Amino acid sequence: MITTQNLLEARFSDLEPKLKEEILSIGSITEVNPGDILIQTGQNIRSTMLLLDGRIKISREDDEGNEYLMYYLEPGNACAFSLMCAMNNEKSKITAVSETESTLISIPFEYTGKWMNDFKSWDEFVLRTYRSRFEELLMTLDHIAFRSMDERLVFYLKRKMEGEGSELHISHQQIARDLNSAREVISRLLKKLEQRGALKLERNVIHIIDISLTSQV
């Protein structure tokens, strides 16, 4: 049987043993279901979350309610935005939704800053988290600002595959919402990919057959 301690050891192996003991002692373990909202825009952030298992989608909304996918949180990661908001006592500027059944540990904000002074491995982990998210955000921005919708769709599918494999359980409407596009546009582009043999479409399921064929719609 896989315990929380086993998951922490496996996902956060770079952290010092004493720090992992404190995380288990102080942290609050939460198991969530697909679709559960973990953080909402405008919410007061009192803790940061470390993901032990599952996948979490981080997105941002504009003033008109349009949603933009920013990145996915994978096991062994912390939410950079919740870290920043927690340490600065700010309200959330993002929304976090669990994509799968997920297990996470919530750390009260008063410890996130303290540990940066007490544990070198935590300080390095936080800096590595910021750098990784910054690089991923630059990549996302590049696709939004400089790429066509067909290229953005292919980029999106590849990111989904990294966490879910070649069988993606998602509707065309959800993809359109994540990419801030129209469902009809996404359906048309997916159909083109299917015609080229890159994937096979079923209701709310996309089977990726040959990812190399998605390089151009």
Protein backbone atom coordinates (compact mmCIF):
# COMPACT_ATOMS: atom_id res chain seq x y z
CA MET A 1 0.00 0.00 0.00
CA ILE A 2 1.36 3.41 -1.02
CA THR A 3 1.33 5.82 1.90
CA THR A 4 1.55 9.61 1.95
CA GLN A 5 5.10 9.29 3.26
CA ASN A 6 6.02 7.01 0.35
CA LEU A 7 4.59 9.50 -2.15
CA LEU A 8 6.42 12.39 -0.50
CA GLU A 9 9.70 10.47 -0.59
CA ALA A 10 9.20 9.57 -4.25
CA ARG A 11 7.94 12.95 -5.54
CA PHE A 12 10.10 15.26 -3.44
CA SER A 13 13.26 13.22 -3.02
CA ASP A 14 15.53 16.30 -3.16
CA LEU A 15 14.11 17.76 0.06
CA GLU A 16 16.00 17.21 3.29
CA PRO A 17 14.73 14.42 5.58
CA LYS A 18 14.05 16.87 8.43
CA LEU A 19 12.02 19.09 6.10
CA LYS A 20 9.96 16.15 4.89
CA GLU A 21 9.23 15.27 8.51
CA GLU A 22 7.94 18.82 9.07
CA ILE A 23 5.84 18.70 5.90
CA LEU A 24 4.15 15.50 7.08
CA SER A 25 3.67 16.93 10.58
CA ILE A 26 2.37 20.36 9.55
CA GLY A 27 0.79 19.75 6.15
CA SER A 28 -2.86 18.93 5.55
CA ILE A 29 -3.45 15.96 3.22
CA THR A 30 -6.30 16.39 0.74
CA GLU A 31 -7.65 13.98 -1.87
CA VAL A 32 -9.71 15.59 -4.64
CA ASN A 33 -11.78 14.44 -7.60
CA PRO A 34 -11.67 15.49 -11.27
CA GLY A 35 -13.28 18.90 -11.67
CA ASP A 36 -12.80 19.97 -8.06
CA ILE A 37 -11.84 23.64 -7.78
CA LEU A 38 -8.83 24.04 -5.49
CA ILE A 39 -8.12 27.76 -5.90
CA GLN A 40 -10.39 30.49 -7.28
CA THR A 41 -9.47 33.89 -8.66
CA GLY A 42 -9.76 36.51 -5.90
CA GLN A 43 -9.54 33.96 -3.11
CA ASN A 44 -7.39 34.71 -0.08
CA ILE A 45 -4.47 32.29 -0.15
CA ARG A 46 -3.58 30.89 3.26
CA SER A 47 -1.43 27.98 2.12
CA THR A 48 0.52 26.57 -0.78
CA MET A 49 0.01 23.11 -2.23
CA LEU A 50 2.48 20.37 -3.04
CA LEU A 51 1.13 17.82 -5.52
CA LEU A 52 1.81 14.20 -4.59
CA ASP A 53 -0.30 12.52 -7.25
CA GLY A 54 -2.64 13.48 -10.09
CA ARG A 55 -2.75 16.55 -12.33
CA ILE A 56 -4.00 20.09 -11.75
CA LYS A 57 -4.83 22.68 -14.40
CA ILE A 58 -3.77 26.26 -13.69
CA SER A 59 -5.64 28.92 -15.67
CA ARG A 60 -6.37 32.63 -15.61
CA GLU A 61 -9.49 34.60 -16.48
CA ASP A 62 -9.68 38.03 -18.07
CA ASP A 63 -12.15 40.74 -17.08
CA GLU A 64 -14.75 39.30 -19.46
CA GLY A 65 -14.59 35.82 -18.01
CA ASN A 66 -12.53 34.25 -20.81
CA GLU A 67 -10.29 31.48 -19.56
CA TYR A 68 -6.66 31.00 -20.61
CA LEU A 69 -4.77 27.79 -19.85
CA MET A 70 -1.40 28.61 -18.28
CA TYR A 71 0.14 25.27 -17.36
CA TYR A 72 -0.44 21.90 -15.72
CA LEU A 73 0.81 21.02 -12.27
CA GLU A 74 2.36 17.54 -12.18
CA PRO A 75 3.35 15.32 -9.21
CA GLY A 76 6.46 16.61 -7.47
CA ASN A 77 5.54 20.23 -8.21
CA ALA A 78 4.27 23.13 -6.14
CA CYS A 79 1.97 25.85 -7.42
CA ALA A 80 4.26 28.86 -8.01
CA PHE A 81 1.35 31.30 -7.85
CA SER A 82 0.09 29.97 -4.53
CA LEU A 83 3.65 30.17 -3.20
CA MET A 84 3.93 33.83 -4.18
CA CYS A 85 0.47 34.74 -2.94
CA ALA A 86 0.93 32.86 0.33
CA MET A 87 4.27 34.47 1.14
CA ASN A 88 3.04 37.96 0.19
CA ASN A 89 -0.44 37.54 1.72
CA GLU A 90 -2.08 38.35 -1.63
CA LYS A 91 -5.30 37.20 -3.24
CA SER A 92 -5.15 34.57 -5.95
CA LYS A 93 -4.85 35.68 -9.57
CA ILE A 94 -5.36 32.17 -10.94
CA THR A 95 -7.81 29.27 -10.83
CA ALA A 96 -6.66 25.73 -10.06
CA VAL A 97 -8.86 22.77 -11.01
CA SER A 98 -8.03 19.10 -10.54
CA GLU A 99 -7.90 17.28 -13.88
CA THR A 100 -7.77 13.82 -12.28
CA GLU A 101 -8.09 12.21 -8.89
CA SER A 102 -5.29 13.98 -7.06
CA THR A 103 -3.54 13.97 -3.70
CA LEU A 104 -1.92 17.10 -2.35
CA ILE A 105 -0.44 18.53 0.83
CA SER A 106 -1.37 22.07 1.85
CA ILE A 107 1.32 24.00 3.74
CA PRO A 108 0.28 27.04 5.87
CA PHE A 109 1.77 30.22 4.44
CA GLU A 110 3.73 31.09 7.61
CA TYR A 111 6.02 28.12 6.95
CA THR A 112 6.72 28.70 3.24
CA GLY A 113 8.88 31.75 3.93
CA LYS A 114 10.41 30.42 7.15
CA TRP A 115 11.61 27.23 5.45
CA MET A 116 13.54 29.24 2.86
CA ASN A 117 15.83 30.33 5.70
CA ASP A 118 15.83 27.04 7.57
CA PHE A 119 16.29 24.55 4.72
CA LYS A 120 18.56 24.96 1.72
CA SER A 121 16.67 22.30 -0.22
CA TRP A 122 13.39 24.22 0.19
CA ASP A 123 15.01 27.46 -0.95
CA GLU A 124 16.36 25.68 -4.04
CA PHE A 125 13.01 23.99 -4.66
CA VAL A 126 11.10 27.30 -4.55
CA LEU A 127 13.58 28.99 -6.92
CA ARG A 128 13.44 25.99 -9.26
CA THR A 129 9.63 26.13 -9.19
CA TYR A 130 9.59 29.83 -10.10
CA ARG A 131 12.08 29.32 -12.93
CA SER A 132 10.23 26.32 -14.35
CA ARG A 133 6.87 28.10 -14.30
CA PHE A 134 8.38 31.24 -15.83
CA GLU A 135 9.84 29.25 -18.72
CA GLU A 136 6.53 27.45 -19.25
CA LEU A 137 4.61 30.73 -19.20
CA LEU A 138 6.95 32.16 -21.82
CA MET A 139 6.27 29.15 -24.00
CA THR A 140 2.51 29.55 -23.53
CA LEU A 141 2.73 33.27 -24.29
CA ASP A 142 4.70 32.52 -27.43
CA HIS A 143 1.95 30.23 -28.70
CA ILE A 144 -0.82 32.68 -27.84
CA ALA A 145 0.88 35.72 -29.34
CA PHE A 146 2.76 34.32 -32.32
CA ARG A 147 1.24 31.02 -33.37
CA SER A 148 -1.88 30.16 -35.34
CA MET A 149 -4.77 28.31 -33.72
CA ASP A 150 -3.83 25.03 -35.41
CA GLU A 151 -0.31 25.26 -33.92
CA ARG A 152 -1.76 26.14 -30.52
CA LEU A 153 -4.06 23.11 -30.71
CA VAL A 154 -1.18 20.76 -31.47
CA PHE A 155 0.85 22.28 -28.61
CA TYR A 156 -2.16 21.79 -26.31
CA LEU A 157 -2.60 18.13 -27.31
CA LYS A 158 1.07 17.39 -26.71
CA ARG A 159 0.89 18.93 -23.23
CA LYS A 160 -2.19 16.86 -22.44
CA MET A 161 -0.40 13.71 -23.60
CA GLU A 162 2.47 14.33 -21.18
CA GLY A 163 0.11 13.75 -18.28
CA GLU A 164 -2.58 11.50 -19.70
CA GLY A 165 -1.00 9.40 -22.42
CA SER A 166 -2.41 8.89 -25.92
CA GLU A 167 -6.08 8.63 -24.86
CA LEU A 168 -7.44 12.04 -23.93
CA HIS A 169 -10.83 12.20 -22.27
CA ILE A 170 -11.94 15.70 -23.13
CA SER A 171 -14.68 17.41 -25.12
CA HIS A 172 -14.17 19.79 -28.02
CA GLN A 173 -15.93 22.44 -25.94
CA GLN A 174 -13.42 22.07 -23.11
CA ILE A 175 -10.50 22.40 -25.51
CA ALA A 176 -12.12 25.50 -27.01
CA ARG A 177 -12.52 26.98 -23.53
CA ASP A 178 -8.89 26.24 -22.62
CA LEU A 179 -7.67 27.84 -25.85
CA ASN A 180 -10.22 30.67 -25.76
CA SER A 181 -11.59 29.68 -29.15
CA ALA A 182 -14.89 28.53 -30.64
CA ARG A 183 -15.95 24.88 -30.45
CA GLU A 184 -16.64 24.85 -34.20
CA VAL A 185 -13.06 25.95 -34.93
CA ILE A 186 -11.57 23.27 -32.66
CA SER A 187 -13.84 20.56 -34.12
CA ARG A 188 -12.80 21.52 -37.65
CA LEU A 189 -9.09 21.41 -36.83
CA LEU A 190 -9.42 18.10 -34.99
CA LYS A 191 -11.26 16.65 -37.97
CA LYS A 192 -8.37 17.67 -40.22
CA LEU A 193 -5.95 15.90 -37.91
CA GLU A 194 -8.13 12.81 -37.97
CA GLN A 195 -8.21 12.85 -41.78
CA ARG A 196 -4.42 12.93 -41.80
CA GLY A 197 -4.27 9.90 -39.51
CA ALA A 198 -2.80 11.76 -36.54
CA LEU A 199 -5.68 10.90 -34.25
CA LYS A 200 -9.09 9.27 -33.98
CA LEU A 201 -12.12 11.05 -32.60
CA GLU A 202 -14.86 9.57 -30.44
CA ARG A 203 -17.41 11.31 -28.26
CA ASN A 204 -15.42 13.18 -25.57
CA VAL A 205 -12.35 11.05 -26.34
CA ILE A 206 -9.36 11.75 -28.57
CA HIS A 207 -7.03 8.86 -29.42
CA ILE A 208 -3.60 10.11 -30.51
CA ILE A 209 -2.28 7.71 -33.15
CA ASP A 210 0.88 9.37 -34.50
CA ILE A 211 1.97 12.58 -32.82
CA SER A 212 4.47 13.28 -35.62
CA LEU A 213 1.57 13.85 -38.00
CA THR A 214 0.29 16.73 -35.86
CA SER A 215 3.18 19.01 -36.74
CA GLN A 216 0.99 20.80 -39.24
CA VAL A 217 -2.81 20.82 -39.58
